[in-house]
Amino acid sequence: MKSYSAYLIDLDGTMYRGIEPIDGAAEFVQRLNVKSIPYLFVTNNSSMVPKELADKLNNMGIQASKDNVFTSSMATAKYIDSKKPGANVFIIGENGLWQALEDQNLKPVKEEADFVTIGIDRKISYEKLAMACLEIRNGAELVSTNKDAAIPTERGMVPGNGAITSVLSVSTGVTPTFVGKPEAILMEQAVEMLGFPKEDILMVGDNYDTDIMAGIKAGIDTLMVETGVSTRDGIKHLNKQPTHHVKNLSDWKI
């Protein structure tokens, strides 16, 4: 198997399921650390700040610092800043998105927005959606942290940010710019942060439609694990296959 100089690693389904670590995850990260191989956890989670996610990992015995975490909120903030530094932004989302935009020196506004950005918001209301639609109709660009239609919870699959984004898109007729996996925006930024050529980086994840397709779209080799959403049998009919496949990260030689 090819040796890689740096890793991009998914979280939910790859490192943990809910609040439970996945067997082999902590040891996998430990092996990276022993060999001083850089890694970055890349996640579509827009609700949490990096320190919260790092704390969650550490509490499971998986070594991480906030500098090892890159979220779709952070990528969204960087994307908007690249388009218009200091832009006025109408925000629908939770703390992770608000903090990322603030860290990028973007200005939250209720009207005259340059951008409407949306992440998961479990206190969503008709009024928030209505105000966002009005801003979009007035010319604001619609940027969404990710297109996840549904997300897993202890109750089962519930609406994700992609489902909420569709309300704004259908109402206004405007096609959103999606930032998170499987789109390449988050991946390109993550590659830049690692500072290695794409051919030296491996994307590790459990979900073919997000993690693996993100790597494929970005031109990065991929490793699919069967500890979460996708299985080898379930994707064997697809034309584009992961570069590598293992049942569990314990099976992957670094």
Protein backbone atom coordinates (compact mmCIF):
# COMPACT_ATOMS: atom_id res chain seq x y z
CA MET A 1 0.00 0.00 0.00
CA LYS A 2 1.12 3.56 -0.72
CA SER A 3 2.57 5.57 2.16
CA TYR A 4 0.98 8.99 2.79
CA SER A 5 2.53 12.08 4.37
CA ALA A 6 -0.69 13.59 5.80
CA TYR A 7 -4.27 12.56 6.52
CA LEU A 8 -7.73 14.12 6.36
CA ILE A 9 -10.07 12.23 8.70
CA ASP A 10 -13.85 12.23 9.03
CA LEU A 11 -15.36 12.17 12.52
CA ASP A 12 -18.86 10.67 12.87
CA GLY A 13 -18.80 7.07 11.70
CA THR A 14 -15.00 7.05 11.42
CA MET A 15 -13.77 8.17 14.85
CA TYR A 16 -17.00 7.78 16.83
CA ARG A 17 -20.69 6.97 16.69
CA GLY A 18 -22.58 9.54 18.72
CA ILE A 19 -20.83 9.48 22.10
CA GLU A 20 -19.06 6.14 21.63
CA PRO A 21 -15.55 5.80 20.14
CA ILE A 22 -15.14 3.34 17.29
CA ASP A 23 -12.81 0.42 17.90
CA GLY A 24 -9.37 1.13 16.49
CA ALA A 25 -9.89 4.90 16.13
CA ALA A 26 -7.77 6.00 19.09
CA GLU A 27 -4.99 3.57 18.15
CA PHE A 28 -5.05 4.81 14.55
CA VAL A 29 -4.51 8.41 15.65
CA GLN A 30 -1.85 7.29 18.10
CA ARG A 31 0.03 5.58 15.28
CA LEU A 32 -0.07 8.81 13.28
CA ASN A 33 1.33 10.71 16.24
CA VAL A 34 4.11 8.18 16.83
CA LYS A 35 5.24 8.66 13.22
CA SER A 36 4.73 12.47 13.40
CA ILE A 37 2.29 12.35 10.48
CA PRO A 38 0.08 15.48 10.35
CA TYR A 39 -3.68 15.05 10.32
CA LEU A 40 -6.78 17.20 10.21
CA PHE A 41 -10.26 16.14 11.24
CA VAL A 42 -12.68 17.46 8.61
CA THR A 43 -16.35 17.54 9.46
CA ASN A 44 -19.65 18.87 8.10
CA ASN A 45 -20.64 19.60 11.71
CA SER A 46 -21.38 23.33 11.71
CA SER A 47 -22.85 23.61 15.20
CA MET A 48 -19.74 23.11 17.33
CA VAL A 49 -16.50 25.08 17.64
CA PRO A 50 -13.19 23.21 17.14
CA LYS A 51 -12.38 23.10 20.86
CA GLU A 52 -15.70 21.40 21.62
CA LEU A 53 -15.02 18.71 19.02
CA ALA A 54 -11.43 18.29 20.21
CA ASP A 55 -12.67 17.92 23.80
CA LYS A 56 -15.18 15.30 22.65
CA LEU A 57 -12.41 13.32 20.96
CA ASN A 58 -10.05 13.58 23.93
CA ASN A 59 -12.80 12.42 26.28
CA MET A 60 -12.99 9.28 24.14
CA GLY A 61 -9.24 8.74 24.32
CA ILE A 62 -8.64 10.06 20.80
CA GLN A 63 -5.82 12.60 20.84
CA ALA A 64 -6.76 15.94 19.29
CA SER A 65 -6.32 19.66 19.73
CA LYS A 66 -8.54 22.40 18.32
CA ASP A 67 -5.86 22.97 15.68
CA ASN A 68 -6.54 19.42 14.40
CA VAL A 69 -10.20 20.23 13.68
CA PHE A 70 -11.60 21.90 10.55
CA THR A 71 -15.36 22.36 10.32
CA SER A 72 -17.73 23.31 7.53
CA SER A 73 -18.42 26.55 9.44
CA MET A 74 -14.74 27.49 9.34
CA ALA A 75 -14.58 26.69 5.63
CA THR A 76 -17.75 28.74 5.01
CA ALA A 77 -16.29 31.75 6.80
CA LYS A 78 -13.05 31.47 4.81
CA TYR A 79 -15.01 31.16 1.57
CA ILE A 80 -17.10 34.27 2.26
CA ASP A 81 -14.00 36.22 3.31
CA SER A 82 -12.30 35.25 0.06
CA LYS A 83 -15.25 36.69 -1.86
CA LYS A 84 -15.63 39.88 0.19
CA PRO A 85 -13.52 40.59 3.30
CA GLY A 86 -15.57 42.14 6.10
CA ALA A 87 -18.85 41.23 4.37
CA ASN A 88 -22.29 41.72 5.94
CA VAL A 89 -23.79 38.28 6.63
CA PHE A 90 -27.30 37.21 7.61
CA ILE A 91 -26.77 34.06 9.67
CA ILE A 92 -28.95 31.04 10.35
CA GLY A 93 -27.05 28.56 12.50
CA GLU A 94 -25.66 27.65 15.88
CA ASN A 95 -22.60 28.69 17.87
CA GLY A 96 -20.04 26.99 15.62
CA LEU A 97 -21.10 29.05 12.60
CA TRP A 98 -21.47 32.34 14.47
CA GLN A 99 -18.02 31.94 16.04
CA ALA A 100 -16.34 31.02 12.76
CA LEU A 101 -17.77 34.08 11.02
CA GLU A 102 -16.74 36.31 13.92
CA ASP A 103 -13.21 34.87 13.87
CA GLN A 104 -13.03 35.79 10.17
CA ASN A 105 -14.11 39.38 10.96
CA LEU A 106 -17.38 39.08 9.06
CA LYS A 107 -20.27 41.23 10.25
CA PRO A 108 -23.62 39.69 11.32
CA VAL A 109 -26.58 41.77 10.11
CA LYS A 110 -30.36 41.51 9.92
CA GLU A 111 -30.68 43.44 6.64
CA GLU A 112 -28.61 44.71 3.71
CA ALA A 113 -26.61 41.48 3.76
CA ASP A 114 -24.00 40.60 1.15
CA PHE A 115 -24.43 36.91 2.01
CA VAL A 116 -27.00 34.67 3.66
CA THR A 117 -25.27 31.71 5.26
CA ILE A 118 -26.98 28.73 6.81
CA GLY A 119 -25.89 25.88 9.04
CA ILE A 120 -27.91 23.46 11.14
CA ASP A 121 -30.22 25.42 13.45
CA ARG A 122 -32.28 23.39 15.90
CA LYS A 123 -34.20 26.52 16.85
CA ILE A 124 -35.17 27.33 13.28
CA SER A 125 -38.32 29.40 12.85
CA TYR A 126 -40.51 30.59 10.00
CA GLU A 127 -39.42 34.16 10.71
CA LYS A 128 -35.71 33.32 10.33
CA LEU A 129 -36.43 31.63 7.01
CA ALA A 130 -38.62 34.52 5.86
CA MET A 131 -35.97 37.13 6.68
CA ALA A 132 -33.30 35.07 4.92
CA CYS A 133 -35.46 34.77 1.80
CA LEU A 134 -36.02 38.52 1.74
CA GLU A 135 -32.28 39.15 1.92
CA ILE A 136 -31.64 36.66 -0.89
CA ARG A 137 -34.30 38.33 -3.03
CA ASN A 138 -32.54 41.63 -2.36
CA GLY A 139 -29.35 40.24 -3.85
CA ALA A 140 -27.54 38.41 -1.04
CA GLU A 141 -25.59 35.32 -2.12
CA LEU A 142 -26.76 32.07 -0.50
CA VAL A 143 -23.95 29.99 1.06
CA SER A 144 -24.71 26.77 2.94
CA THR A 145 -22.31 24.91 5.21
CA ASN A 146 -23.33 21.52 3.83
CA LYS A 147 -26.01 19.65 1.88
CA ASP A 148 -26.65 16.86 4.43
CA ALA A 149 -30.31 16.00 3.90
CA ALA A 150 -30.57 13.98 7.13
CA ILE A 151 -28.39 13.49 10.18
CA PRO A 152 -28.28 10.62 12.69
CA THR A 153 -29.45 11.12 16.27
CA GLU A 154 -30.37 8.82 19.13
CA ARG A 155 -33.99 9.16 17.89
CA GLY A 156 -33.08 8.19 14.35
CA MET A 157 -32.48 10.21 11.19
CA VAL A 158 -33.73 13.81 11.42
CA PRO A 159 -33.58 16.77 8.97
CA GLY A 160 -30.08 18.04 8.26
CA ASN A 161 -28.85 21.38 7.03
CA GLY A 162 -29.39 20.48 3.39
CA ALA A 163 -33.09 20.01 4.05
CA ILE A 164 -33.35 23.42 5.73
CA THR A 165 -31.32 25.04 2.94
CA SER A 166 -33.79 23.66 0.40
CA VAL A 167 -36.54 25.85 1.88
CA LEU A 168 -34.54 28.97 1.01
CA SER A 169 -33.55 27.64 -2.40
CA VAL A 170 -37.04 26.51 -3.41
CA SER A 171 -38.66 29.72 -2.20
CA THR A 172 -36.22 32.10 -3.93
CA GLY A 173 -35.20 30.01 -6.93
CA VAL A 174 -31.56 30.64 -6.02
CA THR A 175 -29.05 27.78 -6.14
CA PRO A 176 -26.88 27.77 -3.01
CA THR A 177 -23.13 27.41 -2.88
CA PHE A 178 -22.45 24.36 -0.68
CA VAL A 179 -19.14 24.35 1.17
CA GLY A 180 -18.89 21.06 3.11
CA LYS A 181 -18.28 17.51 1.94
CA PRO A 182 -18.72 16.25 -0.75
CA GLU A 183 -18.02 19.64 -2.32
CA ALA A 184 -14.39 20.55 -2.97
CA ILE A 185 -14.37 23.94 -1.19
CA LEU A 186 -13.78 22.50 2.29
CA MET A 187 -11.31 19.95 0.93
CA GLU A 188 -9.23 22.49 -0.98
CA GLN A 189 -8.95 24.65 2.14
CA ALA A 190 -8.02 21.63 4.27
CA VAL A 191 -5.30 20.62 1.80
CA GLU A 192 -3.89 24.15 1.96
CA MET A 193 -3.86 23.99 5.77
CA LEU A 194 -1.93 20.70 5.73
CA GLY A 195 0.60 22.12 3.30
CA PHE A 196 1.25 18.89 1.38
CA PRO A 197 0.69 18.04 -2.30
CA LYS A 198 -2.62 16.28 -2.93
CA GLU A 199 -0.88 13.09 -4.02
CA ASP A 200 0.67 12.80 -0.55
CA ILE A 201 -2.64 13.12 1.33
CA LEU A 202 -5.23 10.44 2.15
CA MET A 203 -8.89 11.17 2.93
CA VAL A 204 -10.36 8.69 5.44
CA GLY A 205 -14.10 8.28 5.95
CA ASP A 206 -17.09 5.98 6.27
CA ASN A 207 -19.65 7.71 4.07
CA TYR A 208 -19.21 7.21 0.33
CA ASP A 209 -21.57 10.06 -0.61
CA THR A 210 -19.76 12.66 1.51
CA ASP A 211 -16.26 11.63 2.61
CA ILE A 212 -15.20 9.49 -0.33
CA MET A 213 -16.83 11.68 -2.98
CA ALA A 214 -15.20 14.73 -1.37
CA GLY A 215 -11.81 13.13 -1.85
CA ILE A 216 -12.61 12.04 -5.39
CA LYS A 217 -13.86 15.51 -6.37
CA ALA A 218 -10.75 17.12 -4.88
CA GLY A 219 -8.38 14.68 -6.57
CA ILE A 220 -7.23 13.08 -3.30
CA ASP A 221 -6.77 9.35 -2.63
CA THR A 222 -9.42 7.88 -0.34
CA LEU A 223 -9.72 5.17 2.29
CA MET A 224 -13.23 3.90 3.09
CA VAL A 225 -13.87 2.17 6.40
CA GLU A 226 -16.94 0.07 7.14
CA THR A 227 -17.56 1.46 10.61
CA GLY A 228 -20.37 3.86 9.72
CA VAL A 229 -22.67 4.46 6.76
CA SER A 230 -21.28 2.73 3.67
CA THR A 231 -20.23 -0.85 2.96
CA ARG A 232 -18.09 -2.31 0.19
CA ASP A 233 -20.99 -4.42 -1.05
CA GLY A 234 -23.23 -1.37 -1.06
CA ILE A 235 -20.98 0.64 -3.37
CA LYS A 236 -19.48 -2.09 -5.58
CA HIS A 237 -21.85 -1.20 -8.45
CA LEU A 238 -20.61 2.42 -8.60
CA ASN A 239 -18.12 3.52 -11.25
CA LYS A 240 -15.95 5.61 -8.92
CA GLN A 241 -14.46 3.49 -6.16
CA PRO A 242 -12.38 4.43 -3.10
CA THR A 243 -8.63 4.13 -3.62
CA HIS A 244 -8.43 1.84 -0.59
CA HIS A 245 -10.89 -0.05 1.58
CA VAL A 246 -10.65 -1.66 5.03
CA LYS A 247 -13.22 -3.00 7.46
CA ASN A 248 -11.67 -1.13 10.38
CA LEU A 249 -8.85 1.37 10.84
CA SER A 250 -6.96 -1.29 12.77
CA ASP A 251 -6.47 -3.00 9.40
CA TRP A 252 -4.75 0.02 7.81
CA LYS A 253 -0.95 0.10 7.81
CA ILE A 254 0.54 3.59 8.18
